[in-house]
Amino acid sequence: MKNFVFAAAVAVVALASCQKETTVRNELAPMNEIALRSVNGAVKSAINGTIFPAGYDILVSAYRNLDSEVKGNDSPGNFFEAIQFSKGASDAVWHSSTPKYWPLTGNLDLLCIASSGLKSAANGIVPTCTWGENGNVAKKAVVAVPDNSAKFDDILFGAANAQTYVSTGTAVAFNHAETAVVFTAKSNVKYDESTNVGITIDSISINGAKYSGTLTVSNPAAGDSTGSISAVWSNLGTEKPYVKARIWDSANLGNNVSEPALTGLHLADTSANLSYHPFGEAYVILPEQDAVPFTVTYTIHNGFKADGNTKLNNQLQYKYSPAAGAKWAQSKKNVYELNISLNEITVAPAIVDWTVSGPTSVDIKKVVSQ
């Protein structure tokens, strides 16, 4: 009889132990899965659109901060490193294909690197990262960014520190690590094929820029410290002597390799006072660096010869050199407004924040002759 009681007691203890383990094991509690979301209205947009797009996948490293009452018994340490998070077009949050779960004690510091290229090497540039500083994988990332001159992808970075479980996902605000050089244009004459009068922009090329480098992202607030996340470029790659600007594609996420170079675009402004007229926008994306010259190749169409058949076309080149000391800084759009008439071309530069925005009143759109 005593043996029976003892065996029953052991079974009760084993059952209690099993029940307790089921309660505390995060992998058996899907509601505690880590999910990420962008901060609506605060996230800096990618190439186009008003929110951080699903086309960009996110590499995330997390460092575990433990509550003070348990630090004496359990040392802080790496939680996970370089896990890829993805989001479908209809999803509200990013998830990992190998889910990670919130720890039952303490909170997490998260460091994130994003790029559309992470989804597939064929779709964009794929950065590689070395994570961590003094054992804290959320404190620093050294990102090797490959040559971007053929695809114009963007690299973004963000952090969220001292985070605990939230069912709707942890908000992460992203910043652009690269810079955008954007071209807009206007004219005082509309291109008319029937009379062969007007202006055509044949190409715009960036001369001598660098399209690769090392990006070091620092998250000083990770690990119970203070400070703001920042990123610094170094080891910029070899200069490219000639890279054409591309047309802004309204569906582009920065990874559209079929996106056409700006070529053969007719100016379509009909106003006499040089007011803006949308005819498209062209751009390049590259690491932060000193501003370099660019060349605008354009054709002046000035009617026909006396025979009525031979077109009077004159192709010209205009080289613009930025002011000494001018910078193309990360998270900025460097906008160059081209004003082209039958007599001259002028360039007006401006620098604006690369923030959430839709199409502007000054952009480049291809005009197809009927």
Protein backbone atom coordinates (compact mmCIF):
# COMPACT_ATOMS: atom_id res chain seq x y z
CA MET A 1 0.00 0.00 0.00
CA LYS A 2 2.79 2.35 0.85
CA ASN A 3 4.45 1.61 -2.47
CA PHE A 4 1.22 2.52 -4.29
CA VAL A 5 0.97 5.86 -2.49
CA PHE A 6 4.60 6.64 -3.29
CA ALA A 7 4.12 5.80 -6.96
CA ALA A 8 1.00 7.96 -7.15
CA ALA A 9 2.86 10.83 -5.54
CA VAL A 10 5.65 10.54 -8.09
CA ALA A 11 3.08 10.60 -10.90
CA VAL A 12 1.48 13.75 -9.48
CA VAL A 13 4.88 15.45 -9.24
CA ALA A 14 5.75 14.41 -12.79
CA LEU A 15 2.41 15.73 -14.07
CA ALA A 16 2.89 19.02 -12.27
CA SER A 17 6.40 19.31 -13.66
CA CYS A 18 5.16 18.65 -17.20
CA GLN A 19 2.35 21.16 -16.85
CA LYS A 20 4.72 23.79 -15.54
CA GLU A 21 7.16 23.24 -18.42
CA THR A 22 4.34 23.58 -20.95
CA THR A 23 3.46 26.93 -19.39
CA VAL A 24 6.94 28.44 -19.48
CA ARG A 25 8.31 27.17 -22.79
CA ASN A 26 7.97 30.03 -25.23
CA GLU A 27 8.12 27.84 -28.31
CA LEU A 28 4.87 26.24 -27.17
CA ALA A 29 3.15 29.59 -26.80
CA PRO A 30 2.74 31.09 -30.29
CA MET A 31 1.08 34.22 -28.86
CA ASN A 32 4.53 35.25 -27.65
CA GLU A 33 6.14 35.16 -31.08
CA ILE A 34 8.24 38.21 -31.94
CA ALA A 35 6.71 40.31 -34.72
CA LEU A 36 7.89 43.63 -36.15
CA ARG A 37 5.96 46.49 -37.71
CA SER A 38 6.87 49.89 -39.08
CA VAL A 39 5.80 53.13 -37.41
CA ASN A 40 3.07 54.51 -39.66
CA GLY A 41 3.73 58.14 -40.48
CA ALA A 42 7.20 58.14 -38.95
CA VAL A 43 8.92 55.56 -41.09
CA LYS A 44 11.00 56.99 -43.87
CA SER A 45 9.64 55.59 -47.09
CA ALA A 46 11.64 53.52 -49.52
CA ILE A 47 11.86 54.49 -53.18
CA ASN A 48 8.17 55.24 -53.50
CA GLY A 49 5.00 54.99 -51.45
CA THR A 50 3.89 56.21 -48.05
CA ILE A 51 4.78 53.24 -45.82
CA PHE A 52 7.66 50.85 -45.39
CA PRO A 53 6.95 48.28 -48.13
CA ALA A 54 6.54 44.53 -47.86
CA GLY A 55 9.13 44.12 -50.61
CA TYR A 56 11.92 44.82 -48.15
CA ASP A 57 13.01 42.00 -45.85
CA ILE A 58 14.62 42.73 -42.50
CA LEU A 59 17.69 41.22 -40.81
CA VAL A 60 17.23 41.45 -37.05
CA SER A 61 19.59 40.85 -34.14
CA ALA A 62 18.29 40.95 -30.55
CA TYR A 63 20.08 41.35 -27.22
CA ARG A 64 18.38 40.23 -24.02
CA ASN A 65 18.20 42.68 -21.12
CA LEU A 66 17.14 40.93 -17.90
CA ASP A 67 15.18 42.52 -15.06
CA SER A 68 17.32 43.75 -12.18
CA GLU A 69 15.91 41.27 -9.68
CA VAL A 70 17.15 38.30 -11.73
CA LYS A 71 20.42 39.67 -13.08
CA GLY A 72 22.32 38.13 -10.19
CA ASN A 73 21.14 34.69 -11.20
CA ASP A 74 21.07 34.93 -14.99
CA SER A 75 23.55 36.97 -17.00
CA PRO A 76 22.39 39.02 -20.01
CA GLY A 77 23.51 37.71 -23.38
CA ASN A 78 22.80 37.35 -27.06
CA PHE A 79 19.23 36.36 -27.78
CA PHE A 80 19.46 35.83 -31.54
CA GLU A 81 21.51 37.14 -34.44
CA ALA A 82 20.74 37.98 -38.08
CA ILE A 83 17.28 36.40 -38.27
CA GLN A 84 15.40 37.31 -41.46
CA PHE A 85 11.90 38.73 -41.05
CA SER A 86 9.47 38.95 -43.99
CA LYS A 87 6.01 40.37 -44.62
CA GLY A 88 3.50 39.63 -47.34
CA ALA A 89 1.60 42.41 -49.07
CA SER A 90 -1.53 41.75 -46.98
CA ASP A 91 0.26 41.16 -43.66
CA ALA A 92 0.32 43.74 -40.90
CA VAL A 93 3.61 42.59 -39.34
CA TRP A 94 6.91 40.96 -40.26
CA HIS A 95 7.55 37.39 -39.04
CA SER A 96 10.48 35.00 -39.17
CA SER A 97 10.13 31.69 -40.99
CA THR A 98 11.79 30.14 -37.93
CA PRO A 99 9.78 31.96 -35.23
CA LYS A 100 11.48 33.54 -32.26
CA TYR A 101 9.65 34.19 -29.00
CA TRP A 102 9.83 36.82 -26.31
CA PRO A 103 11.82 35.84 -23.22
CA LEU A 104 9.82 35.42 -20.01
CA THR A 105 12.21 37.70 -18.12
CA GLY A 106 13.75 40.97 -19.17
CA ASN A 107 13.31 42.72 -22.53
CA LEU A 108 15.00 42.91 -25.90
CA ASP A 109 17.07 45.49 -27.73
CA LEU A 110 16.54 45.06 -31.49
CA LEU A 111 18.81 46.21 -34.31
CA CYS A 112 17.49 45.94 -37.89
CA ILE A 113 18.94 46.21 -41.40
CA ALA A 114 16.51 46.18 -44.34
CA SER A 115 16.78 45.77 -48.11
CA SER A 116 14.62 44.41 -50.88
CA GLY A 117 17.67 42.42 -51.94
CA LEU A 118 17.40 40.23 -48.84
CA LYS A 119 14.42 38.48 -50.40
CA SER A 120 16.33 37.27 -53.43
CA ALA A 121 19.75 37.98 -54.82
CA ALA A 122 18.19 38.41 -58.25
CA ASN A 123 15.97 41.26 -57.04
CA GLY A 124 18.46 43.66 -55.56
CA ILE A 125 21.72 44.19 -53.73
CA VAL A 126 22.20 41.89 -50.73
CA PRO A 127 24.12 43.42 -47.83
CA THR A 128 26.13 41.17 -45.52
CA CYS A 129 26.47 42.08 -41.85
CA THR A 130 28.83 41.47 -38.96
CA TRP A 131 26.88 41.96 -35.74
CA GLY A 132 27.77 43.02 -32.24
CA GLU A 133 30.06 44.94 -29.95
CA ASN A 134 31.39 43.50 -26.68
CA GLY A 135 28.99 40.58 -27.00
CA ASN A 136 25.91 42.73 -27.58
CA VAL A 137 24.52 41.88 -31.04
CA ALA A 138 22.02 44.77 -30.98
CA LYS A 139 24.64 47.43 -30.35
CA LYS A 140 26.39 47.51 -33.71
CA ALA A 141 26.27 46.17 -37.26
CA VAL A 142 29.01 46.48 -39.87
CA VAL A 143 27.30 46.17 -43.25
CA ALA A 144 29.16 45.35 -46.47
CA VAL A 145 27.08 46.98 -49.22
CA PRO A 146 27.89 45.67 -52.72
CA ASP A 147 27.95 47.65 -55.95
CA ASN A 148 24.58 49.33 -56.44
CA SER A 149 25.15 50.96 -59.83
CA ALA A 150 23.03 48.45 -61.78
CA LYS A 151 19.99 48.23 -59.49
CA PHE A 152 19.58 51.37 -57.31
CA ASP A 153 18.44 49.45 -54.23
CA ASP A 154 18.19 51.18 -50.87
CA ILE A 155 19.56 50.09 -47.50
CA LEU A 156 17.59 51.08 -44.39
CA PHE A 157 18.39 50.71 -40.69
CA GLY A 158 16.43 50.98 -37.45
CA ALA A 159 16.35 49.96 -33.81
CA ALA A 160 13.86 49.38 -31.00
CA ASN A 161 15.31 49.13 -27.50
CA ALA A 162 13.94 47.73 -24.21
CA GLN A 163 11.02 46.00 -25.93
CA THR A 164 8.66 43.46 -24.36
CA TYR A 165 5.90 41.37 -25.90
CA VAL A 166 3.16 43.27 -27.74
CA SER A 167 0.59 41.27 -29.68
CA THR A 168 0.46 43.74 -32.59
CA GLY A 169 4.22 43.69 -33.10
CA THR A 170 7.09 45.90 -32.01
CA ALA A 171 7.31 49.21 -33.84
CA VAL A 172 10.57 49.99 -35.62
CA ALA A 173 11.29 53.32 -37.33
CA PHE A 174 13.68 53.00 -40.26
CA ASN A 175 16.11 55.51 -41.73
CA HIS A 176 17.66 55.66 -45.18
CA ALA A 177 21.34 54.77 -45.09
CA GLU A 178 21.90 55.99 -48.63
CA THR A 179 21.26 59.21 -50.52
CA ALA A 180 19.01 59.91 -53.51
CA VAL A 181 20.03 62.21 -56.35
CA VAL A 182 16.82 63.28 -58.09
CA PHE A 183 16.28 65.21 -61.32
CA THR A 184 13.19 67.23 -62.25
CA ALA A 185 12.68 69.47 -65.27
CA LYS A 186 10.53 72.14 -66.90
CA SER A 187 10.51 74.18 -70.08
CA ASN A 188 8.76 77.13 -71.69
CA VAL A 189 7.89 75.17 -74.82
CA LYS A 190 5.94 71.98 -75.38
CA TYR A 191 7.51 69.36 -77.62
CA ASP A 192 5.50 69.09 -80.82
CA GLU A 193 6.43 66.29 -83.19
CA SER A 194 4.42 67.71 -86.10
CA THR A 195 6.33 70.99 -86.10
CA ASN A 196 9.54 69.48 -84.67
CA VAL A 197 9.75 72.15 -82.00
CA GLY A 198 10.67 71.57 -78.36
CA ILE A 199 13.16 69.86 -76.08
CA THR A 200 14.04 66.19 -75.59
CA ILE A 201 16.20 65.00 -72.69
CA ASP A 202 18.32 62.18 -74.10
CA SER A 203 20.09 61.12 -70.89
CA ILE A 204 21.41 62.23 -67.53
CA SER A 205 24.55 60.57 -66.21
CA ILE A 206 26.37 60.76 -62.89
CA ASN A 207 30.12 61.09 -63.41
CA GLY A 208 32.54 59.63 -60.88
CA ALA A 209 30.27 58.54 -58.01
CA LYS A 210 30.87 55.50 -55.79
CA TYR A 211 28.18 52.85 -55.40
CA SER A 212 29.49 50.46 -52.73
CA GLY A 213 31.08 50.65 -49.30
CA THR A 214 31.00 49.76 -45.62
CA LEU A 215 28.15 51.02 -43.47
CA THR A 216 28.64 50.94 -39.68
CA VAL A 217 25.38 51.23 -37.75
CA SER A 218 25.70 52.06 -34.05
CA ASN A 219 22.88 51.62 -31.53
CA PRO A 220 24.37 53.07 -28.32
CA ALA A 221 21.12 52.72 -26.35
CA ALA A 222 21.30 48.92 -26.56
CA GLY A 223 22.27 47.40 -23.23
CA ASP A 224 20.86 49.95 -20.78
CA SER A 225 22.77 52.87 -22.27
CA THR A 226 21.69 56.11 -23.93
CA GLY A 227 22.09 57.76 -27.31
CA SER A 228 20.53 57.69 -30.75
CA ILE A 229 21.09 55.23 -33.57
CA SER A 230 23.44 56.45 -36.29
CA ALA A 231 25.22 55.16 -39.38
CA VAL A 232 28.57 56.07 -40.94
CA TRP A 233 29.92 55.19 -44.38
CA SER A 234 33.55 54.22 -45.03
CA ASN A 235 35.66 52.26 -47.53
CA LEU A 236 33.67 53.53 -50.50
CA GLY A 237 34.27 51.51 -53.65
CA THR A 238 35.73 52.41 -57.01
CA GLU A 239 34.30 55.38 -58.87
CA LYS A 240 32.00 54.67 -61.79
CA PRO A 241 32.83 57.06 -64.66
CA TYR A 242 29.34 56.98 -66.15
CA VAL A 243 26.05 55.77 -64.62
CA LYS A 244 22.72 56.79 -66.18
CA ALA A 245 19.84 58.04 -64.08
CA ARG A 246 16.71 55.89 -64.26
CA ILE A 247 13.05 56.70 -64.55
CA TRP A 248 11.05 56.67 -61.34
CA ASP A 249 8.67 53.73 -61.61
CA SER A 250 5.51 54.15 -59.51
CA ALA A 251 5.62 50.42 -58.64
CA ASN A 252 9.33 50.39 -57.91
CA LEU A 253 10.73 49.15 -54.61
CA GLY A 254 14.27 49.91 -55.63
CA ASN A 255 14.89 46.48 -57.08
CA ASN A 256 13.41 46.74 -60.56
CA VAL A 257 16.35 45.90 -62.80
CA SER A 258 14.20 46.43 -65.90
CA GLU A 259 13.52 50.02 -64.88
CA PRO A 260 14.59 52.08 -67.90
CA ALA A 261 17.32 54.66 -67.99
CA LEU A 262 16.11 58.16 -68.71
CA THR A 263 16.32 58.50 -72.49
CA GLY A 264 14.39 60.27 -75.23
CA LEU A 265 11.93 62.08 -72.94
CA HIS A 266 10.05 65.03 -74.43
CA LEU A 267 9.41 68.07 -72.28
CA ALA A 268 5.70 68.74 -72.20
CA ASP A 269 5.23 72.05 -70.41
CA THR A 270 2.65 74.22 -72.18
CA SER A 271 2.82 77.27 -69.93
CA ALA A 272 4.61 80.44 -70.95
CA ASN A 273 5.82 81.30 -67.47
CA LEU A 274 7.92 78.16 -66.88
CA SER A 275 5.53 76.78 -64.26
CA TYR A 276 5.92 73.14 -63.30
CA HIS A 277 4.49 70.39 -65.41
CA PRO A 278 4.75 66.70 -64.48
CA PHE A 279 6.80 64.80 -66.98
CA GLY A 280 8.52 62.36 -64.72
CA GLU A 281 11.40 61.99 -62.29
CA ALA A 282 14.81 60.37 -62.68
CA TYR A 283 17.19 59.35 -59.92
CA VAL A 284 20.20 57.42 -58.69
CA ILE A 285 20.81 55.97 -55.21
CA LEU A 286 24.29 55.73 -53.75
CA PRO A 287 26.20 55.86 -50.45
CA GLU A 288 26.77 59.15 -48.67
CA GLN A 289 29.69 60.97 -50.31
CA ASP A 290 30.92 64.24 -51.75
CA ALA A 291 28.72 65.52 -54.57
CA VAL A 292 30.10 64.83 -58.06
CA PRO A 293 29.33 66.32 -61.50
CA PHE A 294 26.58 65.11 -63.78
CA THR A 295 25.99 65.51 -67.51
CA VAL A 296 22.69 66.30 -69.20
CA THR A 297 22.46 65.35 -72.87
CA TYR A 298 19.49 66.99 -74.59
CA THR A 299 18.24 67.80 -78.07
CA ILE A 300 16.79 71.12 -79.22
CA HIS A 301 14.18 70.61 -81.94
CA ASN A 302 13.94 73.81 -83.96
CA GLY A 303 11.63 73.04 -86.86
CA PHE A 304 12.52 71.91 -90.40
CA LYS A 305 14.83 73.04 -93.14
CA ALA A 306 13.43 74.75 -96.21
CA ASP A 307 12.75 71.40 -97.86
CA GLY A 308 10.11 70.76 -95.21
CA ASN A 309 11.42 67.27 -94.48
CA THR A 310 14.83 67.59 -92.85
CA LYS A 311 14.54 68.22 -89.12
CA LEU A 312 16.60 70.93 -87.49
CA ASN A 313 17.90 69.06 -84.44
CA ASN A 314 20.86 70.07 -82.34
CA GLN A 315 22.07 67.73 -79.59
CA LEU A 316 23.91 69.44 -76.75
CA GLN A 317 25.63 68.42 -73.53
CA TYR A 318 25.61 70.37 -70.31
CA LYS A 319 27.94 69.42 -67.47
CA TYR A 320 27.01 70.56 -63.98
CA SER A 321 29.65 70.67 -61.25
CA PRO A 322 28.40 71.00 -57.66
CA ALA A 323 29.78 73.72 -55.43
CA ALA A 324 33.04 72.95 -53.63
CA GLY A 325 32.39 71.04 -50.41
CA ALA A 326 28.86 70.00 -51.41
CA LYS A 327 27.76 66.69 -49.86
CA TRP A 328 25.25 64.04 -50.83
CA ALA A 329 24.23 63.05 -47.30
CA GLN A 330 22.42 59.93 -46.20
CA SER A 331 18.66 60.16 -45.69
CA LYS A 332 18.52 63.18 -48.03
CA LYS A 333 17.14 63.81 -51.49
CA ASN A 334 19.40 66.02 -53.54
CA VAL A 335 17.02 67.54 -56.08
CA TYR A 336 18.29 69.22 -59.25
CA GLU A 337 15.65 71.16 -61.18
CA LEU A 338 16.52 71.49 -64.85
CA ASN A 339 15.06 74.50 -66.63
CA ILE A 340 15.56 74.05 -70.39
CA SER A 341 14.44 76.45 -73.08
CA LEU A 342 15.37 76.77 -76.76
CA ASN A 343 18.07 79.22 -75.71
CA GLU A 344 19.61 77.94 -72.46
CA ILE A 345 19.66 75.44 -69.63
CA THR A 346 19.90 76.28 -65.93
CA VAL A 347 20.10 74.06 -62.84
CA ALA A 348 18.66 74.88 -59.42
CA PRO A 349 19.84 72.52 -56.63
CA ALA A 350 17.95 71.81 -53.41
CA ILE A 351 18.33 69.38 -50.49
CA VAL A 352 15.28 67.92 -48.77
CA ASP A 353 14.70 65.18 -46.21
CA TRP A 354 14.03 61.76 -47.70
CA THR A 355 10.79 61.21 -45.83
CA VAL A 356 7.35 59.80 -46.50
CA SER A 357 5.96 61.41 -49.63
CA GLY A 358 3.83 60.71 -52.63
CA PRO A 359 4.39 62.02 -56.16
CA THR A 360 5.29 65.70 -56.25
CA SER A 361 4.14 68.35 -58.66
CA VAL A 362 7.56 68.22 -60.29
CA ASP A 363 8.51 64.82 -61.62
CA ILE A 364 9.44 63.02 -64.81
CA LYS A 365 6.91 61.12 -66.87
CA LYS A 366 7.50 59.66 -70.28
CA VAL A 367 5.50 61.39 -73.00
CA VAL A 368 4.63 59.06 -75.86
CA SER A 369 4.16 60.70 -79.25
CA GLN A 370 0.89 59.84 -80.96
